[in-house]
Amino acid sequence: MVRISQQRVKCIGCNACVEAAPYRWRMSRKDGKCTLIQAVEKRGMFNILVTDDEYDANVDAAMHCPVNCIKIEQV
């Protein structure tokens, strides 16, 4: 399993994560920030556990995030 975490308050809406993994990320029309699809928010952090097949695309999303608000870890 892979845990994806996002500190959404830091997001600047650059769209890099959406381009890397469009099935897991989308742009919000409300505030222009990226949203981690199906994530659960707890104390400002959005988290989701996904299968290993999403690892590579989301590592790419985290690497291209200019504000480093995305963390990926295998659990």
C-alpha atoms as a PDB file:
ATOM      1  CA  MET A   1       0.000   0.000   0.000  1.00  0.00           C
ATOM      2  CA  VAL A   2       0.993   3.590  -0.604  1.00  0.00           C
ATOM      3  CA  ARG A   3       0.045   6.580   1.556  1.00  0.00           C
ATOM      4  CA  ILE A   4      -0.367   9.881  -0.275  1.00  0.00           C
ATOM      5  CA  SER A   5      -0.444  13.006   1.878  1.00  0.00           C
ATOM      6  CA  GLN A   6      -1.045  16.583   0.869  1.00  0.00           C
ATOM      7  CA  GLN A   7      -0.769  19.772   2.878  1.00  0.00           C
ATOM      8  CA  ARG A   8      -3.357  21.547   0.755  1.00  0.00           C
ATOM      9  CA  VAL A   9      -2.968  24.967   2.363  1.00  0.00           C
ATOM     10  CA  LYS A  10       0.503  25.215   0.748  1.00  0.00           C
ATOM     11  CA  CYS A  11      -0.750  24.326  -2.744  1.00  0.00           C
ATOM     12  CA  ILE A  12      -0.343  27.053  -5.373  1.00  0.00           C
ATOM     13  CA  GLY A  13      -2.405  25.284  -8.044  1.00  0.00           C
ATOM     14  CA  CYS A  14       0.401  24.705 -10.542  1.00  0.00           C
ATOM     15  CA  ASN A  15      -1.360  21.589 -11.941  1.00  0.00           C
ATOM     16  CA  ALA A  16       1.805  19.400 -11.981  1.00  0.00           C
ATOM     17  CA  CYS A  17       0.178  16.668  -9.882  1.00  0.00           C
ATOM     18  CA  VAL A  18      -2.921  16.608 -12.097  1.00  0.00           C
ATOM     19  CA  GLU A  19      -0.762  16.100 -15.171  1.00  0.00           C
ATOM     20  CA  ALA A  20       1.221  13.287 -13.502  1.00  0.00           C
ATOM     21  CA  ALA A  21      -1.762  11.398 -12.025  1.00  0.00           C
ATOM     22  CA  PRO A  22      -5.093  12.744 -13.313  1.00  0.00           C
ATOM     23  CA  TYR A  23      -7.057   9.853 -11.771  1.00  0.00           C
ATOM     24  CA  ARG A  24      -5.909  10.895  -8.277  1.00  0.00           C
ATOM     25  CA  TRP A  25      -5.695  14.707  -8.529  1.00  0.00           C
ATOM     26  CA  ARG A  26      -7.948  17.480  -9.839  1.00  0.00           C
ATOM     27  CA  MET A  27      -8.079  21.258  -9.775  1.00  0.00           C
ATOM     28  CA  SER A  28     -10.699  22.854  -7.548  1.00  0.00           C
ATOM     29  CA  ARG A  29     -12.922  25.407  -9.246  1.00  0.00           C
ATOM     30  CA  LYS A  30     -13.577  27.048  -5.877  1.00  0.00           C
ATOM     31  CA  ASP A  31     -10.056  28.102  -4.927  1.00  0.00           C
ATOM     32  CA  GLY A  32      -7.783  26.986  -7.791  1.00  0.00           C
ATOM     33  CA  LYS A  33      -5.812  24.516  -5.649  1.00  0.00           C
ATOM     34  CA  CYS A  34      -5.275  20.834  -6.352  1.00  0.00           C
ATOM     35  CA  THR A  35      -7.467  18.311  -4.582  1.00  0.00           C
ATOM     36  CA  LEU A  36      -6.436  14.783  -3.639  1.00  0.00           C
ATOM     37  CA  ILE A  37      -9.426  12.734  -4.824  1.00  0.00           C
ATOM     38  CA  GLN A  38     -11.143  10.636  -2.087  1.00  0.00           C
ATOM     39  CA  ALA A  39      -8.711  11.823   0.604  1.00  0.00           C
ATOM     40  CA  VAL A  40      -9.665  12.285   4.228  1.00  0.00           C
ATOM     41  CA  GLU A  41      -8.724  15.563   5.933  1.00  0.00           C
ATOM     42  CA  LYS A  42      -7.263  15.558   9.438  1.00  0.00           C
ATOM     43  CA  ARG A  43      -5.659  18.661  10.961  1.00  0.00           C
ATOM     44  CA  GLY A  44      -4.983  20.273   7.603  1.00  0.00           C
ATOM     45  CA  MET A  45      -3.448  17.152   6.026  1.00  0.00           C
ATOM     46  CA  PHE A  46      -5.296  15.184   3.361  1.00  0.00           C
ATOM     47  CA  ASN A  47      -4.428  11.465   3.321  1.00  0.00           C
ATOM     48  CA  ILE A  48      -5.380   8.380   1.357  1.00  0.00           C
ATOM     49  CA  LEU A  49      -4.119   4.806   1.132  1.00  0.00           C
ATOM     50  CA  VAL A  50      -3.920   3.458  -2.416  1.00  0.00           C
ATOM     51  CA  THR A  51      -2.570   0.350  -4.124  1.00  0.00           C
ATOM     52  CA  ASP A  52       1.050   0.002  -5.235  1.00  0.00           C
ATOM     53  CA  ASP A  53       0.175   0.509  -8.892  1.00  0.00           C
ATOM     54  CA  GLU A  54      -0.345   4.240  -8.200  1.00  0.00           C
ATOM     55  CA  TYR A  55       3.110   4.678  -6.656  1.00  0.00           C
ATOM     56  CA  ASP A  56       5.149   5.736  -9.708  1.00  0.00           C
ATOM     57  CA  ALA A  57       2.718   8.361 -11.019  1.00  0.00           C
ATOM     58  CA  ASN A  58       2.265   9.927  -7.600  1.00  0.00           C
ATOM     59  CA  VAL A  59       5.992   9.999  -6.878  1.00  0.00           C
ATOM     60  CA  ASP A  60       6.278  11.905 -10.146  1.00  0.00           C
ATOM     61  CA  ALA A  61       3.535  14.277  -8.944  1.00  0.00           C
ATOM     62  CA  ALA A  62       5.360  14.858  -5.647  1.00  0.00           C
ATOM     63  CA  MET A  63       8.703  15.423  -7.371  1.00  0.00           C
ATOM     64  CA  HIS A  64       7.232  18.073  -9.682  1.00  0.00           C
ATOM     65  CA  CYS A  65       5.367  19.936  -6.934  1.00  0.00           C
ATOM     66  CA  PRO A  66       7.183  23.298  -6.613  1.00  0.00           C
ATOM     67  CA  VAL A  67       6.079  23.835  -3.005  1.00  0.00           C
ATOM     68  CA  ASN A  68       6.661  20.240  -1.811  1.00  0.00           C
ATOM     69  CA  CYS A  69       3.211  19.836  -0.284  1.00  0.00           C
ATOM     70  CA  ILE A  70       2.846  16.198  -1.441  1.00  0.00           C
ATOM     71  CA  LYS A  71       4.422  13.263   0.406  1.00  0.00           C
ATOM     72  CA  ILE A  72       4.418   9.642  -0.767  1.00  0.00           C
ATOM     73  CA  GLU A  73       5.342   6.675   1.407  1.00  0.00           C
ATOM     74  CA  GLN A  74       5.008   2.946   1.071  1.00  0.00           C
ATOM     75  CA  VAL A  75       3.357   1.290   4.078  1.00  0.00           C
END
